[in-house]
Amino acid sequence: MMDAQRLDATFFALADPTRRAILGRLANGDASVAELTEPFAMSQPAISRHLKVLEKAGLIRRSRDAQRRPCRLEPRPMIEASAWIERYRDLWENTYQRLDALLAAEMKATGKSSDKPSKT
């Protein structure tokens, strides 16, 4: 299970549209800072600051390849955040299913139909 600080860092990193776009680009393969800067109207230092946030959250990893420092997507924090969200999705889905069953039983008991008359 993901600890609270790592989960907070992941959601903080994902809260910014530029960082999400960077992750989207890295989903297609490794890229250098210069390559990641190209599609944005931002300076390379600004992109580097975004990369530091992503790296701190564990969403990316930077390696050294001669003169390049390619960035690589790290899936684990996203998988853990997705699992955390899934728990709550399951909870709400079960709650809505119980509510649907309760409403259906109530309508049956009162003799009302849930079907709406068609307009012709």
PDB file of N, CA and C in Angstrom:
ATOM      1  N   MET A   1       0.843  -1.191   0.000  1.00  0.00           N
ATOM      2  CA  MET A   1       0.000   0.000   0.000  1.00  0.00           C
ATOM      3  C   MET A   1       0.881   1.245   0.000  1.00  0.00           C
ATOM      4  N   MET A   2       0.411   2.259  -0.581  1.00  0.00           N
ATOM      5  CA  MET A   2       1.144   3.505  -0.711  1.00  0.00           C
ATOM      6  C   MET A   2       1.004   4.332   0.561  1.00  0.00           C
ATOM      7  N   ASP A   3       2.131   4.896   1.045  1.00  0.00           N
ATOM      8  CA  ASP A   3       2.014   5.734   2.232  1.00  0.00           C
ATOM      9  C   ASP A   3       1.464   7.106   1.845  1.00  0.00           C
ATOM     10  N   ALA A   4       0.967   7.824   2.835  1.00  0.00           N
ATOM     11  CA  ALA A   4       0.254   9.081   2.587  1.00  0.00           C
ATOM     12  C   ALA A   4       1.131  10.128   1.910  1.00  0.00           C
ATOM     13  N   GLN A   5       2.389  10.238   2.310  1.00  0.00           N
ATOM     14  CA  GLN A   5       3.268  11.250   1.714  1.00  0.00           C
ATOM     15  C   GLN A   5       3.531  10.972   0.239  1.00  0.00           C
ATOM     16  N   ARG A   6       3.737   9.721  -0.109  1.00  0.00           N
ATOM     17  CA  ARG A   6       3.970   9.380  -1.517  1.00  0.00           C
ATOM     18  C   ARG A   6       2.710   9.609  -2.337  1.00  0.00           C
ATOM     19  N   LEU A   7       1.570   9.272  -1.762  1.00  0.00           N
ATOM     20  CA  LEU A   7       0.302   9.503  -2.458  1.00  0.00           C
ATOM     21  C   LEU A   7       0.083  11.001  -2.672  1.00  0.00           C
ATOM     22  N   ASP A   8       0.354  11.801  -1.638  1.00  0.00           N
ATOM     23  CA  ASP A   8       0.232  13.258  -1.759  1.00  0.00           C
ATOM     24  C   ASP A   8       1.150  13.797  -2.852  1.00  0.00           C
ATOM     25  N   ALA A   9       2.396  13.320  -2.874  1.00  0.00           N
ATOM     26  CA  ALA A   9       3.361  13.777  -3.883  1.00  0.00           C
ATOM     27  C   ALA A   9       2.899  13.394  -5.288  1.00  0.00           C
ATOM     28  N   THR A  10       2.338  12.211  -5.426  1.00  0.00           N
ATOM     29  CA  THR A  10       1.848  11.764  -6.736  1.00  0.00           C
ATOM     30  C   THR A  10       0.699  12.644  -7.211  1.00  0.00           C
ATOM     31  N   PHE A  11      -0.291  12.865  -6.347  1.00  0.00           N
ATOM     32  CA  PHE A  11      -1.432  13.682  -6.759  1.00  0.00           C
ATOM     33  C   PHE A  11      -1.038  15.143  -6.974  1.00  0.00           C
ATOM     34  N   PHE A  12      -0.092  15.648  -6.175  1.00  0.00           N
ATOM     35  CA  PHE A  12       0.400  17.015  -6.387  1.00  0.00           C
ATOM     36  C   PHE A  12       1.046  17.127  -7.764  1.00  0.00           C
ATOM     37  N   ALA A  13       1.872  16.155  -8.108  1.00  0.00           N
ATOM     38  CA  ALA A  13       2.543  16.170  -9.411  1.00  0.00           C
ATOM     39  C   ALA A  13       1.534  16.075 -10.551  1.00  0.00           C
ATOM     40  N   LEU A  14       0.509  15.265 -10.378  1.00  0.00           N
ATOM     41  CA  LEU A  14      -0.498  15.074 -11.427  1.00  0.00           C
ATOM     42  C   LEU A  14      -1.467  16.253 -11.550  1.00  0.00           C
ATOM     43  N   ALA A  15      -1.464  17.143 -10.563  1.00  0.00           N
ATOM     44  CA  ALA A  15      -2.410  18.259 -10.560  1.00  0.00           C
ATOM     45  C   ALA A  15      -2.094  19.307 -11.627  1.00  0.00           C
ATOM     46  N   ASP A  16      -0.893  19.289 -12.167  1.00  0.00           N
ATOM     47  CA  ASP A  16      -0.486  20.304 -13.135  1.00  0.00           C
ATOM     48  C   ASP A  16      -0.597  19.769 -14.568  1.00  0.00           C
ATOM     49  N   PRO A  17      -1.267  20.502 -15.461  1.00  0.00           N
ATOM     50  CA  PRO A  17      -1.441  20.012 -16.832  1.00  0.00           C
ATOM     51  C   PRO A  17      -0.124  19.851 -17.600  1.00  0.00           C
ATOM     52  N   THR A  18       0.858  20.697 -17.328  1.00  0.00           N
ATOM     53  CA  THR A  18       2.154  20.553 -18.001  1.00  0.00           C
ATOM     54  C   THR A  18       2.823  19.260 -17.587  1.00  0.00           C
ATOM     55  N   ARG A  19       2.775  18.949 -16.295  1.00  0.00           N
ATOM     56  CA  ARG A  19       3.398  17.703 -15.828  1.00  0.00           C
ATOM     57  C   ARG A  19       2.664  16.488 -16.389  1.00  0.00           C
ATOM     58  N   ARG A  20       1.336  16.568 -16.487  1.00  0.00           N
ATOM     59  CA  ARG A  20       0.593  15.454 -17.094  1.00  0.00           C
ATOM     60  C   ARG A  20       0.978  15.285 -18.560  1.00  0.00           C
ATOM     61  N   ALA A  21       1.174  16.397 -19.265  1.00  0.00           N
ATOM     62  CA  ALA A  21       1.584  16.327 -20.671  1.00  0.00           C
ATOM     63  C   ALA A  21       2.984  15.725 -20.796  1.00  0.00           C
ATOM     64  N   ILE A  22       3.865  16.066 -19.884  1.00  0.00           N
ATOM     65  CA  ILE A  22       5.212  15.485 -19.887  1.00  0.00           C
ATOM     66  C   ILE A  22       5.120  13.978 -19.683  1.00  0.00           C
ATOM     67  N   LEU A  23       4.299  13.546 -18.745  1.00  0.00           N
ATOM     68  CA  LEU A  23       4.122  12.108 -18.522  1.00  0.00           C
ATOM     69  C   LEU A  23       3.549  11.433 -19.767  1.00  0.00           C
ATOM     70  N   GLY A  24       2.621  12.113 -20.425  1.00  0.00           N
ATOM     71  CA  GLY A  24       2.060  11.575 -21.661  1.00  0.00           C
ATOM     72  C   GLY A  24       3.126  11.393 -22.729  1.00  0.00           C
ATOM     73  N   ARG A  25       4.019  12.361 -22.833  1.00  0.00           N
ATOM     74  CA  ARG A  25       5.116  12.246 -23.803  1.00  0.00           C
ATOM     75  C   ARG A  25       6.042  11.094 -23.431  1.00  0.00           C
ATOM     76  N   LEU A  26       6.359  10.955 -22.141  1.00  0.00           N
ATOM     77  CA  LEU A  26       7.264   9.891 -21.699  1.00  0.00           C
ATOM     78  C   LEU A  26       6.627   8.509 -21.829  1.00  0.00           C
ATOM     79  N   ALA A  27       5.315   8.451 -21.911  1.00  0.00           N
ATOM     80  CA  ALA A  27       4.650   7.160 -22.132  1.00  0.00           C
ATOM     81  C   ALA A  27       5.020   6.590 -23.503  1.00  0.00           C
ATOM     82  N   ASN A  28       5.475   7.465 -24.409  1.00  0.00           N
ATOM     83  CA  ASN A  28       5.901   7.035 -25.747  1.00  0.00           C
ATOM     84  C   ASN A  28       7.375   6.652 -25.799  1.00  0.00           C
ATOM     85  N   GLY A  29       8.096   6.871 -24.713  1.00  0.00           N
ATOM     86  CA  GLY A  29       9.519   6.527 -24.686  1.00  0.00           C
ATOM     87  C   GLY A  29      10.338   7.585 -23.974  1.00  0.00           C
ATOM     88  N   ASP A  30      11.573   7.230 -23.667  1.00  0.00           N
ATOM     89  CA  ASP A  30      12.483   8.139 -22.974  1.00  0.00           C
ATOM     90  C   ASP A  30      12.695   9.417 -23.788  1.00  0.00           C
ATOM     91  N   ALA A  31      13.002  10.510 -23.081  1.00  0.00           N
ATOM     92  CA  ALA A  31      13.259  11.787 -23.754  1.00  0.00           C
ATOM     93  C   ALA A  31      14.190  12.629 -22.900  1.00  0.00           C
ATOM     94  N   SER A  32      14.971  13.455 -23.561  1.00  0.00           N
ATOM     95  CA  SER A  32      15.852  14.386 -22.856  1.00  0.00           C
ATOM     96  C   SER A  32      15.043  15.614 -22.441  1.00  0.00           C
ATOM     97  N   VAL A  33      15.644  16.443 -21.595  1.00  0.00           N
ATOM     98  CA  VAL A  33      14.979  17.679 -21.175  1.00  0.00           C
ATOM     99  C   VAL A  33      14.715  18.559 -22.398  1.00  0.00           C
ATOM    100  N   ALA A  34      15.680  18.636 -23.300  1.00  0.00           N
ATOM    101  CA  ALA A  34      15.501  19.451 -24.512  1.00  0.00           C
ATOM    102  C   ALA A  34      14.326  18.934 -25.340  1.00  0.00           C
ATOM    103  N   GLU A  35      14.208  17.624 -25.477  1.00  0.00           N
ATOM    104  CA  GLU A  35      13.095  17.045 -26.241  1.00  0.00           C
ATOM    105  C   GLU A  35      11.760  17.304 -25.552  1.00  0.00           C
ATOM    106  N   LEU A  36      11.768  17.280 -24.236  1.00  0.00           N
ATOM    107  CA  LEU A  36      10.526  17.529 -23.492  1.00  0.00           C
ATOM    108  C   LEU A  36      10.133  19.001 -23.532  1.00  0.00           C
ATOM    109  N   THR A  37      11.106  19.892 -23.716  1.00  0.00           N
ATOM    110  CA  THR A  37      10.836  21.329 -23.751  1.00  0.00           C
ATOM    111  C   THR A  37      10.172  21.752 -25.059  1.00  0.00           C
ATOM    112  N   GLU A  38      10.484  21.056 -26.161  1.00  0.00           N
ATOM    113  CA  GLU A  38      10.042  21.466 -27.504  1.00  0.00           C
ATOM    114  C   GLU A  38       8.558  21.822 -27.630  1.00  0.00           C
ATOM    115  N   PRO A  39       7.623  20.992 -27.156  1.00  0.00           N
ATOM    116  CA  PRO A  39       6.210  21.316 -27.415  1.00  0.00           C
ATOM    117  C   PRO A  39       5.628  22.413 -26.523  1.00  0.00           C
ATOM    118  N   PHE A  40       6.398  22.914 -25.578  1.00  0.00           N
ATOM    119  CA  PHE A  40       5.865  23.888 -24.626  1.00  0.00           C
ATOM    120  C   PHE A  40       6.433  25.279 -24.874  1.00  0.00           C
ATOM    121  N   ALA A  41       5.647  26.281 -24.579  1.00  0.00           N
ATOM    122  CA  ALA A  41       6.108  27.665 -24.654  1.00  0.00           C
ATOM    123  C   ALA A  41       6.717  28.032 -23.303  1.00  0.00           C
ATOM    124  N   MET A  42       7.728  27.251 -22.909  1.00  0.00           N
ATOM    125  CA  MET A  42       8.394  27.440 -21.614  1.00  0.00           C
ATOM    126  C   MET A  42       9.893  27.309 -21.812  1.00  0.00           C
ATOM    127  N   SER A  43      10.615  27.876 -20.878  1.00  0.00           N
ATOM    128  CA  SER A  43      12.070  27.742 -20.913  1.00  0.00           C
ATOM    129  C   SER A  43      12.475  26.358 -20.424  1.00  0.00           C
ATOM    130  N   GLN A  44      13.689  25.973 -20.757  1.00  0.00           N
ATOM    131  CA  GLN A  44      14.199  24.685 -20.289  1.00  0.00           C
ATOM    132  C   GLN A  44      14.281  24.639 -18.758  1.00  0.00           C
ATOM    133  N   PRO A  45      14.695  25.745 -18.082  1.00  0.00           N
ATOM    134  CA  PRO A  45      14.687  25.704 -16.611  1.00  0.00           C
ATOM    135  C   PRO A  45      13.285  25.487 -16.024  1.00  0.00           C
ATOM    136  N   ALA A  46      12.260  26.042 -16.672  1.00  0.00           N
ATOM    137  CA  ALA A  46      10.885  25.844 -16.181  1.00  0.00           C
ATOM    138  C   ALA A  46      10.488  24.377 -16.314  1.00  0.00           C
ATOM    139  N   ILE A  47      10.830  23.758 -17.441  1.00  0.00           N
ATOM    140  CA  ILE A  47      10.537  22.330 -17.623  1.00  0.00           C
ATOM    141  C   ILE A  47      11.332  21.516 -16.614  1.00  0.00           C
ATOM    142  N   SER A  48      12.570  21.909 -16.357  1.00  0.00           N
ATOM    143  CA  SER A  48      13.396  21.195 -15.370  1.00  0.00           C
ATOM    144  C   SER A  48      12.763  21.229 -13.987  1.00  0.00           C
ATOM    145  N   ARG A  49      12.141  22.351 -13.640  1.00  0.00           N
ATOM    146  CA  ARG A  49      11.453  22.430 -12.336  1.00  0.00           C
ATOM    147  C   ARG A  49      10.281  21.449 -12.298  1.00  0.00           C
ATOM    148  N   HIS A  50       9.540  21.342 -13.390  1.00  0.00           N
ATOM    149  CA  HIS A  50       8.448  20.361 -13.462  1.00  0.00           C
ATOM    150  C   HIS A  50       9.007  18.940 -13.335  1.00  0.00           C
ATOM    151  N   LEU A  51      10.126  18.690 -13.992  1.00  0.00           N
ATOM    152  CA  LEU A  51      10.736  17.361 -13.925  1.00  0.00           C
ATOM    153  C   LEU A  51      11.175  17.017 -12.506  1.00  0.00           C
ATOM    154  N   LYS A  52      11.649  18.007 -11.762  1.00  0.00           N
ATOM    155  CA  LYS A  52      12.048  17.763 -10.368  1.00  0.00           C
ATOM    156  C   LYS A  52      10.847  17.342  -9.527  1.00  0.00           C
ATOM    157  N   VAL A  53       9.696  17.964  -9.765  1.00  0.00           N
ATOM    158  CA  VAL A  53       8.477  17.584  -9.037  1.00  0.00           C
ATOM    159  C   VAL A  53       8.094  16.150  -9.390  1.00  0.00           C
ATOM    160  N   LEU A  54       8.146  15.831 -10.678  1.00  0.00           N
ATOM    161  CA  LEU A  54       7.810  14.472 -11.118  1.00  0.00           C
ATOM    162  C   LEU A  54       8.797  13.448 -10.565  1.00  0.00           C
ATOM    163  N   GLU A  55      10.061  13.826 -10.524  1.00  0.00           N
ATOM    164  CA  GLU A  55      11.088  12.921 -10.001  1.00  0.00           C
ATOM    165  C   GLU A  55      10.921  12.719  -8.495  1.00  0.00           C
ATOM    166  N   LYS A  56      10.630  13.787  -7.780  1.00  0.00           N
ATOM    167  CA  LYS A  56      10.414  13.686  -6.331  1.00  0.00           C
ATOM    168  C   LYS A  56       9.233  12.768  -6.021  1.00  0.00           C
ATOM    169  N   ALA A  57       8.214  12.799  -6.869  1.00  0.00           N
ATOM    170  CA  ALA A  57       7.040  11.937  -6.680  1.00  0.00           C
ATOM    171  C   ALA A  57       7.314  10.501  -7.128  1.00  0.00           C
ATOM    172  N   GLY A  58       8.467  10.282  -7.749  1.00  0.00           N
ATOM    173  CA  GLY A  58       8.813   8.938  -8.214  1.00  0.00           C
ATOM    174  C   GLY A  58       8.176   8.576  -9.545  1.00  0.00           C
ATOM    175  N   LEU A  59       7.563   9.562 -10.210  1.00  0.00           N
ATOM    176  CA  LEU A  59       6.874   9.300 -11.474  1.00  0.00           C
ATOM    177  C   LEU A  59       7.828   9.191 -12.661  1.00  0.00           C
ATOM    178  N   ILE A  60       9.008   9.790 -12.519  1.00  0.00           N
ATOM    179  CA  ILE A  60      10.029   9.661 -13.559  1.00  0.00           C
ATOM    180  C   ILE A  60      11.371   9.363 -12.902  1.00  0.00           C
ATOM    181  N   ARG A  61      12.285   8.893 -13.740  1.00  0.00           N
ATOM    182  CA  ARG A  61      13.658   8.660 -13.299  1.00  0.00           C
ATOM    183  C   ARG A  61      14.565   9.217 -14.387  1.00  0.00           C
ATOM    184  N   ARG A  62      15.637   9.874 -13.957  1.00  0.00           N
ATOM    185  CA  ARG A  62      16.613  10.393 -14.913  1.00  0.00           C
ATOM    186  C   ARG A  62      17.870   9.544 -14.820  1.00  0.00           C
ATOM    187  N   SER A  63      18.406   9.203 -15.968  1.00  0.00           N
ATOM    188  CA  SER A  63      19.646   8.431 -16.004  1.00  0.00           C
ATOM    189  C   SER A  63      20.690   9.229 -16.774  1.00  0.00           C
ATOM    190  N   ARG A  64      21.898   8.730 -16.787  1.00  0.00           N
ATOM    191  CA  ARG A  64      22.955   9.409 -17.534  1.00  0.00           C
ATOM    192  C   ARG A  64      23.368   8.507 -18.688  1.00  0.00           C
ATOM    193  N   ASP A  65      23.360   9.079 -19.883  1.00  0.00           N
ATOM    194  CA  ASP A  65      23.756   8.360 -21.095  1.00  0.00           C
ATOM    195  C   ASP A  65      24.717   9.281 -21.849  1.00  0.00           C
ATOM    196  N   ALA A  66      26.004   9.145 -21.565  1.00  0.00           N
ATOM    197  CA  ALA A  66      27.039  10.029 -22.113  1.00  0.00           C
ATOM    198  C   ALA A  66      26.695  11.474 -21.729  1.00  0.00           C
ATOM    199  N   GLN A  67      26.428  12.327 -22.703  1.00  0.00           N
ATOM    200  CA  GLN A  67      26.101  13.729 -22.416  1.00  0.00           C
ATOM    201  C   GLN A  67      24.612  13.938 -22.133  1.00  0.00           C
ATOM    202  N   ARG A  68      23.793  12.966 -22.490  1.00  0.00           N
ATOM    203  CA  ARG A  68      22.335  13.071 -22.301  1.00  0.00           C
ATOM    204  C   ARG A  68      21.936  12.617 -20.906  1.00  0.00           C
ATOM    205  N   ARG A  69      20.849  13.166 -20.429  1.00  0.00           N
ATOM    206  CA  ARG A  69      20.222  12.681 -19.197  1.00  0.00           C
ATOM    207  C   ARG A  69      18.769  12.381 -19.519  1.00  0.00           C
ATOM    208  N   PRO A  70      18.509  11.243 -20.162  1.00  0.00           N
ATOM    209  CA  PRO A  70      17.128  10.938 -20.550  1.00  0.00           C
ATOM    210  C   PRO A  70      16.231  10.697 -19.338  1.00  0.00           C
ATOM    211  N   CYS A  71      14.990  11.103 -19.496  1.00  0.00           N
ATOM    212  CA  CYS A  71      13.971  10.882 -18.471  1.00  0.00           C
ATOM    213  C   CYS A  71      13.163   9.664 -18.882  1.00  0.00           C
ATOM    214  N   ARG A  72      12.790   8.892 -17.895  1.00  0.00           N
ATOM    215  CA  ARG A  72      12.026   7.662 -18.137  1.00  0.00           C
ATOM    216  C   ARG A  72      10.832   7.636 -17.189  1.00  0.00           C
ATOM    217  N   LEU A  73       9.714   7.203 -17.706  1.00  0.00           N
ATOM    218  CA  LEU A  73       8.495   7.065 -16.913  1.00  0.00           C
ATOM    219  C   LEU A  73       8.637   5.902 -15.941  1.00  0.00           C
ATOM    220  N   GLU A  74       8.236   6.112 -14.709  1.00  0.00           N
ATOM    221  CA  GLU A  74       8.226   5.060 -13.689  1.00  0.00           C
ATOM    222  C   GLU A  74       6.766   4.785 -13.336  1.00  0.00           C
ATOM    223  N   PRO A  75       6.259   3.612 -13.635  1.00  0.00           N
ATOM    224  CA  PRO A  75       4.820   3.350 -13.496  1.00  0.00           C
ATOM    225  C   PRO A  75       4.325   3.103 -12.069  1.00  0.00           C
ATOM    226  N   ARG A  76       5.190   2.731 -11.164  1.00  0.00           N
ATOM    227  CA  ARG A  76       4.714   2.291  -9.845  1.00  0.00           C
ATOM    228  C   ARG A  76       3.825   3.308  -9.115  1.00  0.00           C
ATOM    229  N   PRO A  77       4.218   4.588  -9.011  1.00  0.00           N
ATOM    230  CA  PRO A  77       3.326   5.530  -8.309  1.00  0.00           C
ATOM    231  C   PRO A  77       1.948   5.658  -8.952  1.00  0.00           C
ATOM    232  N   MET A  78       1.882   5.586 -10.281  1.00  0.00           N
ATOM    233  CA  MET A  78       0.583   5.666 -10.959  1.00  0.00           C
ATOM    234  C   MET A  78      -0.255   4.430 -10.658  1.00  0.00           C
ATOM    235  N   ILE A  79       0.389   3.277 -10.630  1.00  0.00           N
ATOM    236  CA  ILE A  79      -0.315   2.032 -10.308  1.00  0.00           C
ATOM    237  C   ILE A  79      -0.859   2.099  -8.887  1.00  0.00           C
ATOM    238  N   GLU A  80      -0.037   2.595  -7.964  1.00  0.00           N
ATOM    239  CA  GLU A  80      -0.469   2.697  -6.565  1.00  0.00           C
ATOM    240  C   GLU A  80      -1.594   3.715  -6.397  1.00  0.00           C
ATOM    241  N   ALA A  81      -1.500   4.858  -7.083  1.00  0.00           N
ATOM    242  CA  ALA A  81      -2.564   5.866  -7.003  1.00  0.00           C
ATOM    243  C   ALA A  81      -3.857   5.323  -7.609  1.00  0.00           C
ATOM    244  N   SER A  82      -3.728   4.608  -8.700  1.00  0.00           N
ATOM    245  CA  SER A  82      -4.896   4.001  -9.341  1.00  0.00           C
ATOM    246  C   SER A  82      -5.565   2.986  -8.414  1.00  0.00           C
ATOM    247  N   ALA A  83      -4.757   2.198  -7.710  1.00  0.00           N
ATOM    248  CA  ALA A  83      -5.307   1.220  -6.758  1.00  0.00           C
ATOM    249  C   ALA A  83      -6.039   1.932  -5.622  1.00  0.00           C
ATOM    250  N   TRP A  84      -5.492   3.047  -5.160  1.00  0.00           N
ATOM    251  CA  TRP A  84      -6.127   3.818  -4.089  1.00  0.00           C
ATOM    252  C   TRP A  84      -7.481   4.350  -4.567  1.00  0.00           C
ATOM    253  N   ILE A  85      -7.520   4.897  -5.770  1.00  0.00           N
ATOM    254  CA  ILE A  85      -8.771   5.411  -6.333  1.00  0.00           C
ATOM    255  C   ILE A  85      -9.772   4.280  -6.533  1.00  0.00           C
ATOM    256  N   GLU A  86      -9.291   3.142  -6.987  1.00  0.00           N
ATOM    257  CA  GLU A  86     -10.157   1.990  -7.264  1.00  0.00           C
ATOM    258  C   GLU A  86     -10.908   1.539  -6.014  1.00  0.00           C
ATOM    259  N   ARG A  87     -10.250   1.611  -4.860  1.00  0.00           N
ATOM    260  CA  ARG A  87     -10.934   1.238  -3.606  1.00  0.00           C
ATOM    261  C   ARG A  87     -12.185   2.079  -3.409  1.00  0.00           C
ATOM    262  N   TYR A  88     -12.076   3.368  -3.657  1.00  0.00           N
ATOM    263  CA  TYR A  88     -13.215   4.263  -3.459  1.00  0.00           C
ATOM    264  C   TYR A  88     -14.244   4.108  -4.568  1.00  0.00           C
ATOM    265  N   ARG A  89     -13.799   3.814  -5.772  1.00  0.00           N
ATOM    266  CA  ARG A  89     -14.739   3.555  -6.857  1.00  0.00           C
ATOM    267  C   ARG A  89     -15.588   2.337  -6.522  1.00  0.00           C
ATOM    268  N   ASP A  90     -14.952   1.280  -6.021  1.00  0.00           N
ATOM    269  CA  ASP A  90     -15.686   0.076  -5.623  1.00  0.00           C
ATOM    270  C   ASP A  90     -16.686   0.382  -4.512  1.00  0.00           C
ATOM    271  N   LEU A  91     -16.262   1.176  -3.534  1.00  0.00           N
ATOM    272  CA  LEU A  91     -17.143   1.550  -2.427  1.00  0.00           C
ATOM    273  C   LEU A  91     -18.387   2.260  -2.952  1.00  0.00           C
ATOM    274  N   TRP A  92     -18.198   3.262  -3.821  1.00  0.00           N
ATOM    275  CA  TRP A  92     -19.334   4.022  -4.331  1.00  0.00           C
ATOM    276  C   TRP A  92     -20.185   3.198  -5.276  1.00  0.00           C
ATOM    277  N   GLU A  93     -19.566   2.341  -6.053  1.00  0.00           N
ATOM    278  CA  GLU A  93     -20.341   1.477  -6.943  1.00  0.00           C
ATOM    279  C   GLU A  93     -21.253   0.557  -6.132  1.00  0.00           C
ATOM    280  N   ASN A  94     -20.728  -0.022  -5.063  1.00  0.00           N
ATOM    281  CA  ASN A  94     -21.542  -0.877  -4.195  1.00  0.00           C
ATOM    282  C   ASN A  94     -22.657  -0.082  -3.527  1.00  0.00           C
ATOM    283  N   THR A  95     -22.350   1.137  -3.105  1.00  0.00           N
ATOM    284  CA  THR A  95     -23.360   1.991  -2.474  1.00  0.00           C
ATOM    285  C   THR A  95     -24.496   2.289  -3.454  1.00  0.00           C
ATOM    286  N   TYR A  96     -24.153   2.627  -4.689  1.00  0.00           N
ATOM    287  CA  TYR A  96     -25.184   2.919  -5.690  1.00  0.00           C
ATOM    288  C   TYR A  96     -25.989   1.674  -6.054  1.00  0.00           C
ATOM    289  N   GLN A  97     -25.360   0.521  -6.088  1.00  0.00           N
ATOM    290  CA  GLN A  97     -26.098  -0.715  -6.372  1.00  0.00           C
ATOM    291  C   GLN A  97     -27.106  -1.001  -5.266  1.00  0.00           C
ATOM    292  N   ARG A  98     -26.704  -0.783  -4.018  1.00  0.00           N
ATOM    293  CA  ARG A  98     -27.640  -0.989  -2.902  1.00  0.00           C
ATOM    294  C   ARG A  98     -28.785   0.015  -2.974  1.00  0.00           C
ATOM    295  N   LEU A  99     -28.477   1.261  -3.321  1.00  0.00           N
ATOM    296  CA  LEU A  99     -29.513   2.282  -3.454  1.00  0.00           C
ATOM    297  C   LEU A  99     -30.484   1.919  -4.580  1.00  0.00           C
ATOM    298  N   ASP A 100     -29.960   1.458  -5.708  1.00  0.00           N
ATOM    299  CA  ASP A 100     -30.825   1.020  -6.813  1.00  0.00           C
ATOM    300  C   ASP A 100     -31.762  -0.100  -6.368  1.00  0.00           C
ATOM    301  N   ALA A 101     -31.222  -1.069  -5.633  1.00  0.00           N
ATOM    302  CA  ALA A 101     -32.042  -2.188  -5.154  1.00  0.00           C
ATOM    303  C   ALA A 101     -33.112  -1.693  -4.187  1.00  0.00           C
ATOM    304  N   LEU A 102     -32.757  -0.775  -3.300  1.00  0.00           N
ATOM    305  CA  LEU A 102     -33.703  -0.213  -2.337  1.00  0.00           C
ATOM    306  C   LEU A 102     -34.819   0.545  -3.059  1.00  0.00           C
ATOM    307  N   LEU A 103     -34.457   1.354  -4.038  1.00  0.00           N
ATOM    308  CA  LEU A 103     -35.463   2.109  -4.790  1.00  0.00           C
ATOM    309  C   LEU A 103     -36.376   1.183  -5.587  1.00  0.00           C
ATOM    310  N   ALA A 104     -35.811   0.137  -6.174  1.00  0.00           N
ATOM    311  CA  ALA A 104     -36.627  -0.826  -6.923  1.00  0.00           C
ATOM    312  C   ALA A 104     -37.608  -1.526  -5.993  1.00  0.00           C
ATOM    313  N   ALA A 105     -37.158  -1.907  -4.805  1.00  0.00           N
ATOM    314  CA  ALA A 105     -38.041  -2.563  -3.836  1.00  0.00           C
ATOM    315  C   ALA A 105     -39.130  -1.603  -3.376  1.00  0.00           C
ATOM    316  N   GLU A 106     -38.777  -0.344  -3.156  1.00  0.00           N
ATOM    317  CA  GLU A 106     -39.746   0.667  -2.733  1.00  0.00           C
ATOM    318  C   GLU A 106     -40.794   0.895  -3.824  1.00  0.00           C
ATOM    319  N   MET A 107     -40.362   0.966  -5.057  1.00  0.00           N
ATOM    320  CA  MET A 107     -41.308   1.167  -6.162  1.00  0.00           C
ATOM    321  C   MET A 107     -42.222  -0.043  -6.322  1.00  0.00           C
ATOM    322  N   LYS A 108     -41.674  -1.220  -6.134  1.00  0.00           N
ATOM    323  CA  LYS A 108     -42.484  -2.437  -6.242  1.00  0.00           C
ATOM    324  C   LYS A 108     -43.523  -2.480  -5.122  1.00  0.00           C
ATOM    325  N   ALA A 109     -43.112  -2.085  -3.924  1.00  0.00           N
ATOM    326  CA  ALA A 109     -44.016  -2.105  -2.773  1.00  0.00           C
ATOM    327  C   ALA A 109     -45.147  -1.096  -2.931  1.00  0.00           C
ATOM    328  N   THR A 110     -44.879   0.026  -3.575  1.00  0.00           N
ATOM    329  CA  THR A 110     -45.919   1.043  -3.751  1.00  0.00           C
ATOM    330  C   THR A 110     -46.669   0.873  -5.063  1.00  0.00           C
ATOM    331  N   GLY A 111     -46.244  -0.099  -5.868  1.00  0.00           N
ATOM    332  CA  GLY A 111     -46.933  -0.386  -7.121  1.00  0.00           C
ATOM    333  C   GLY A 111     -46.627   0.597  -8.227  1.00  0.00           C
ATOM    334  N   LYS A 112     -45.568   1.372  -8.086  1.00  0.00           N
ATOM    335  CA  LYS A 112     -45.192   2.332  -9.123  1.00  0.00           C
ATOM    336  C   LYS A 112     -44.164   1.697 -10.048  1.00  0.00           C
ATOM    337  N   SER A 113     -44.246   2.079 -11.300  1.00  0.00           N
ATOM    338  CA  SER A 113     -43.296   1.584 -12.294  1.00  0.00           C
ATOM    339  C   SER A 113     -42.178   2.598 -12.464  1.00  0.00           C
ATOM    340  N   SER A 114     -40.984   2.093 -12.694  1.00  0.00           N
ATOM    341  CA  SER A 114     -39.863   3.001 -12.930  1.00  0.00           C
ATOM    342  C   SER A 114     -39.774   3.396 -14.392  1.00  0.00           C
ATOM    343  N   ASP A 115     -40.615   2.786 -15.236  1.00  0.00           N
ATOM    344  CA  ASP A 115     -40.609   3.113 -16.660  1.00  0.00           C
ATOM    345  C   ASP A 115     -41.335   4.430 -16.881  1.00  0.00           C
ATOM    346  N   LYS A 116     -40.724   5.293 -17.661  1.00  0.00           N
ATOM    347  CA  LYS A 116     -41.353   6.560 -17.998  1.00  0.00           C
ATOM    348  C   LYS A 116     -42.188   6.356 -19.249  1.00  0.00           C
ATOM    349  N   PRO A 117     -43.363   6.982 -19.312  1.00  0.00           N
ATOM    350  CA  PRO A 117     -44.171   6.842 -20.529  1.00  0.00           C
ATOM    351  C   PRO A 117     -43.446   7.480 -21.705  1.00  0.00           C
ATOM    352  N   SER A 118     -43.586   6.846 -22.865  1.00  0.00           N
ATOM    353  CA  SER A 118     -42.923   7.387 -24.051  1.00  0.00           C
ATOM    354  C   SER A 118     -43.771   8.507 -24.631  1.00  0.00           C
ATOM    355  N   LYS A 119     -43.100   9.488 -25.203  1.00  0.00           N
ATOM    356  CA  LYS A 119     -43.789  10.623 -25.823  1.00  0.00           C
ATOM    357  C   LYS A 119     -43.959  10.316 -27.297  1.00  0.00           C
ATOM    358  N   THR A 120     -45.191  10.379 -27.764  1.00  0.00           N
ATOM    359  CA  THR A 120     -45.451  10.148 -29.194  1.00  0.00           C
ATOM    360  C   THR A 120     -46.322  11.210 -29.770  1.00  0.00           C
TER     361      THR A 120
END
